[in-house]
Amino acid sequence: MIMQQPTADSTDMSWALNRLCEEPGVLNALLFTSDGLVMAHSHGLDRDDADRTAATLAGLNSLQRDLGGFCRTQGRQDAPGPLRFMVSDLKTVTLLLFVATERTGVGVSVRGESAGHEVSVAIQATLKMINGLRPVLGARERGDTT
């Protein structure tokens, strides 16, 4: 019998998102699939908000893939690579969107402006979490029942 690596669709990853929310200024965290489904969310985020946010973040993640041509440097035809993270600076909150795996992403909301110390700390903490837990943050392809 072949044992498969646990993934977020079979393992509750809320604990990791709740730990992110312990960082200064972090309001909420969400793990979502590339097609907009919630895989896990921090305890401060209700399910309806998590569902809407997952769909929105998946859409933003999809849109950024089309920006490769805009980001090419002069004389080079290759795109700069896939998105690692994106920062959206709202009036009083910063939204962070990270690619966790090919099929999943992490969204984090942080109090304050994008240039603030708390946002920098949240970015580093989220990247550390993603790098440490990447295999478990994945999701199997739909229809994959193994």
Protein backbone atom coordinates (compact mmCIF):
# COMPACT_ATOMS: atom_id res chain seq x y z
CA MET A 1 0.00 0.00 0.00
CA ILE A 2 1.38 3.39 -1.03
CA MET A 3 1.14 6.18 1.56
CA GLN A 4 0.46 9.63 0.14
CA GLN A 5 1.72 12.89 1.58
CA PRO A 6 -1.06 14.55 3.61
CA THR A 7 -2.41 17.69 1.97
CA ALA A 8 -4.63 20.52 3.14
CA ASP A 9 -7.68 18.85 1.66
CA SER A 10 -7.19 15.98 4.12
CA THR A 11 -5.53 17.83 7.03
CA ASP A 12 -6.87 20.77 9.03
CA MET A 13 -4.37 23.60 8.60
CA SER A 14 -6.29 26.15 10.69
CA TRP A 15 -3.64 25.90 13.41
CA ALA A 16 -0.99 27.32 11.06
CA LEU A 17 -3.27 30.19 10.04
CA ASN A 18 -4.15 30.92 13.67
CA ARG A 19 -0.43 31.03 14.45
CA LEU A 20 0.03 33.63 11.69
CA CYS A 21 -2.69 35.70 13.36
CA GLU A 22 -0.52 35.86 16.48
CA GLU A 23 1.94 38.07 14.57
CA PRO A 24 1.59 41.79 15.35
CA GLY A 25 -1.13 43.43 13.25
CA VAL A 26 -2.31 40.28 11.46
CA LEU A 27 -6.10 40.25 11.36
CA ASN A 28 -7.05 37.15 9.36
CA ALA A 29 -5.49 34.36 7.32
CA LEU A 30 -7.02 32.04 4.73
CA LEU A 31 -5.85 29.00 2.76
CA PHE A 32 -7.75 28.60 -0.51
CA THR A 33 -7.69 26.61 -3.74
CA SER A 34 -6.91 28.15 -7.11
CA ASP A 35 -10.56 27.68 -8.03
CA GLY A 36 -11.73 29.69 -5.02
CA LEU A 37 -12.67 27.15 -2.36
CA VAL A 38 -11.79 27.56 1.32
CA MET A 39 -9.44 24.92 2.65
CA ALA A 40 -8.88 26.51 6.08
CA HIS A 41 -9.25 29.89 7.76
CA SER A 42 -8.19 31.57 10.97
CA HIS A 43 -10.60 31.57 13.89
CA GLY A 44 -11.45 35.30 13.57
CA LEU A 45 -12.90 34.95 10.07
CA ASP A 46 -16.46 33.68 9.71
CA ARG A 47 -17.25 31.11 7.03
CA ASP A 48 -19.28 33.43 4.76
CA ASP A 49 -16.46 35.99 4.68
CA ALA A 50 -13.95 33.19 4.13
CA ASP A 51 -15.95 31.88 1.14
CA ARG A 52 -16.21 35.33 -0.48
CA THR A 53 -12.56 36.10 0.19
CA ALA A 54 -11.35 32.77 -1.22
CA ALA A 55 -13.24 33.38 -4.46
CA THR A 56 -11.89 36.92 -4.73
CA LEU A 57 -8.27 35.95 -3.97
CA ALA A 58 -8.42 33.10 -6.48
CA GLY A 59 -9.59 35.61 -9.09
CA LEU A 60 -6.74 38.00 -8.27
CA ASN A 61 -4.27 35.13 -8.43
CA SER A 62 -5.61 34.19 -11.85
CA LEU A 63 -5.38 37.77 -13.13
CA GLN A 64 -1.76 38.16 -12.08
CA ARG A 65 -0.75 35.27 -14.33
CA ASP A 66 -1.60 37.45 -17.33
CA LEU A 67 0.88 40.14 -16.23
CA GLY A 68 4.00 38.21 -17.28
CA GLY A 69 4.34 40.15 -20.53
CA PHE A 70 4.16 43.47 -18.73
CA CYS A 71 6.92 42.38 -16.35
CA ARG A 72 9.43 41.27 -18.99
CA THR A 73 12.64 43.24 -19.16
CA GLN A 74 13.73 44.87 -22.40
CA GLY A 75 15.40 42.43 -24.76
CA ARG A 76 14.19 39.36 -22.87
CA GLN A 77 11.17 37.35 -23.91
CA ASP A 78 10.94 35.18 -20.83
CA ALA A 79 8.55 36.13 -18.06
CA PRO A 80 10.03 36.82 -14.62
CA GLY A 81 8.52 33.67 -13.13
CA PRO A 82 5.38 32.85 -11.17
CA LEU A 83 3.95 35.12 -8.52
CA ARG A 84 5.40 34.66 -5.03
CA PHE A 85 3.21 37.23 -3.35
CA MET A 86 1.23 40.36 -4.08
CA VAL A 87 0.55 43.36 -1.82
CA SER A 88 -2.64 45.43 -1.96
CA ASP A 89 -2.49 48.60 0.09
CA LEU A 90 -5.97 49.56 1.26
CA LYS A 91 -6.71 52.64 3.38
CA THR A 92 -6.11 51.10 6.81
CA VAL A 93 -5.33 47.47 6.01
CA THR A 94 -2.88 45.70 3.74
CA LEU A 95 -3.94 42.55 1.90
CA LEU A 96 -1.24 39.98 1.15
CA LEU A 97 -1.76 37.25 -1.44
CA PHE A 98 0.76 34.39 -1.58
CA VAL A 99 1.04 31.39 -3.86
CA ALA A 100 1.49 28.35 -1.62
CA THR A 101 1.48 25.57 -4.23
CA GLU A 102 0.36 25.08 -7.82
CA ARG A 103 -3.26 24.73 -6.65
CA THR A 104 -3.40 26.75 -3.42
CA GLY A 105 -2.82 30.22 -2.06
CA VAL A 106 -2.75 32.04 1.26
CA GLY A 107 -4.38 35.38 1.95
CA VAL A 108 -3.42 37.49 4.96
CA SER A 109 -4.90 40.81 6.11
CA VAL A 110 -2.68 43.08 8.18
CA ARG A 111 -3.55 46.30 9.99
CA GLY A 112 -1.69 49.32 8.60
CA GLU A 113 -0.02 50.53 5.43
CA SER A 114 2.05 48.28 3.19
CA ALA A 115 5.31 50.04 4.08
CA GLY A 116 4.80 49.44 7.80
CA HIS A 117 6.84 47.16 10.01
CA GLU A 118 3.87 44.89 10.81
CA VAL A 119 3.33 44.15 7.12
CA SER A 120 7.00 43.31 6.67
CA VAL A 121 6.86 40.94 9.64
CA ALA A 122 3.66 39.33 8.29
CA ILE A 123 5.25 38.78 4.87
CA GLN A 124 8.29 37.09 6.42
CA ALA A 125 6.17 34.95 8.76
CA THR A 126 3.87 33.84 5.94
CA LEU A 127 6.74 32.98 3.61
CA LYS A 128 8.37 31.00 6.41
CA MET A 129 5.12 29.11 7.05
CA ILE A 130 4.63 28.37 3.35
CA ASN A 131 8.22 27.20 2.87
CA GLY A 132 8.06 24.98 5.95
CA LEU A 133 4.66 23.45 5.24
CA ARG A 134 4.51 23.56 1.42
CA PRO A 135 3.84 19.82 0.85
CA VAL A 136 0.93 19.86 3.31
CA LEU A 137 -0.50 23.13 1.95
CA GLY A 138 -1.22 21.52 -1.40
CA ALA A 139 -4.48 20.22 -2.77
CA ARG A 140 -5.06 17.21 -4.95
CA GLU A 141 -6.61 17.63 -8.37
CA ARG A 142 -10.36 17.31 -8.31
CA GLY A 143 -11.43 13.82 -9.18
CA ASP A 144 -8.23 12.38 -7.68
CA THR A 145 -9.64 9.91 -5.14
CA THR A 146 -6.36 8.25 -4.19
